[in-house]
Amino acid sequence: MKRLLCTLVALGLLIGLVAAPALAAGKKDPLAAWKPKFDPSGAEYTYILSNISHPVIEGIAAGYRIRDAVWEKSKGRLYVDFRPLAQLGGEKDVIAKLKLGAVQGMMSSSVAAANVADRLGIVNLPYVVDTFDKLDQFRNDPELWVPFANSALSKGIMVADITGYGTYGWATTTPVRNLEDAKKINFRIAQAPVNADTYKAWGLKFTVMPWPDVPQALQTGVINGLDHTAIVCNITKKFTIAKSFTQLDYAQGLFIHLINKRWFDRLPKDLQEILLTTIQEESARTRELTRKQQEEQI
């Protein structure tokens, strides 16, 4: 009996060892298409850059374009290790890591960036920077941009540039045609004081929730509405449940490129220049791509 039991246990272990690689091989890597075409192991410096969503969104794919351009310009000295899809945690967690220097950079959603410095939340106020043209004007006017970009320096954080993910509206499980319809919805909003204040002023029900928790909450009915952009809702398949979209266009969804200043200051001057210049060039190009992507998604 003991010999039979040992044989069965050994057989089970053998099957597990054989099946595990097959199961692993069957799982597709969602980021396989974005793997670097170079070996980063020889880099002198590494810049870990975090983001919460999927690089199918142009505003996030900018991270990979920055990676490749910096590698080429620096001749392999600086590697931008871009980590999208919340690989390093939710945004509030990553902001804490950024302040400590455990993460060197973060393409933070503008709603989460308000937790770094109050002034960064100004772009989330309703109908302030609500169009692509206003966004370009805001970014290209030093009188507007410089105070915004410098607002987190006291926290040890630099603002390098911005990309986007479209204009905000409501994805809901039932149509919202007016304010009375909206009052029946429990909207998920981001973890940012400015958003909570806005929804309180509008008199609407809301739940503050990290983005990675949204799919299950939507499926189980904990929430029945999302405060987000058409680009994000469509690409991340939120419209499979929240099938209605109310196009409010009350704010631009932005990714604010944050850098730990202490880490940046330790980089050689030439690499500082390469990194900042590349971020600015690719961010400007990406803002145009985002404009086109929104037109396609809507």
Foldseek 3Di string as FASTA:
>chain_A
DVVVVVVVVVVVVVVCVVVVVVVVVPDDDLCVVLDDPDDLPPAQEEAEEEEAADVVQLQLVLLSVLQVQLCVVVVSHYGYNYYYNQPVHFPVVVVVCCLVVVHFKYQAKLQSCCVQFVLSVPLVFFQPCLDLVSVVVQQPDCVNNVCNQCRNVVSQKGFLGKAFQFFKWKQFQDADDDLVSQQVFAEEDEPHPNVVVVCVVSVHHYDYDTPVCPVVCCVVVVGGMYTGHLRRCVVVVVCVRSVYIDDPSGGTTMGTMMGRNVVLVPDPPVSNVSSSVSSVVSRVVSNVVSVVSSVVSD
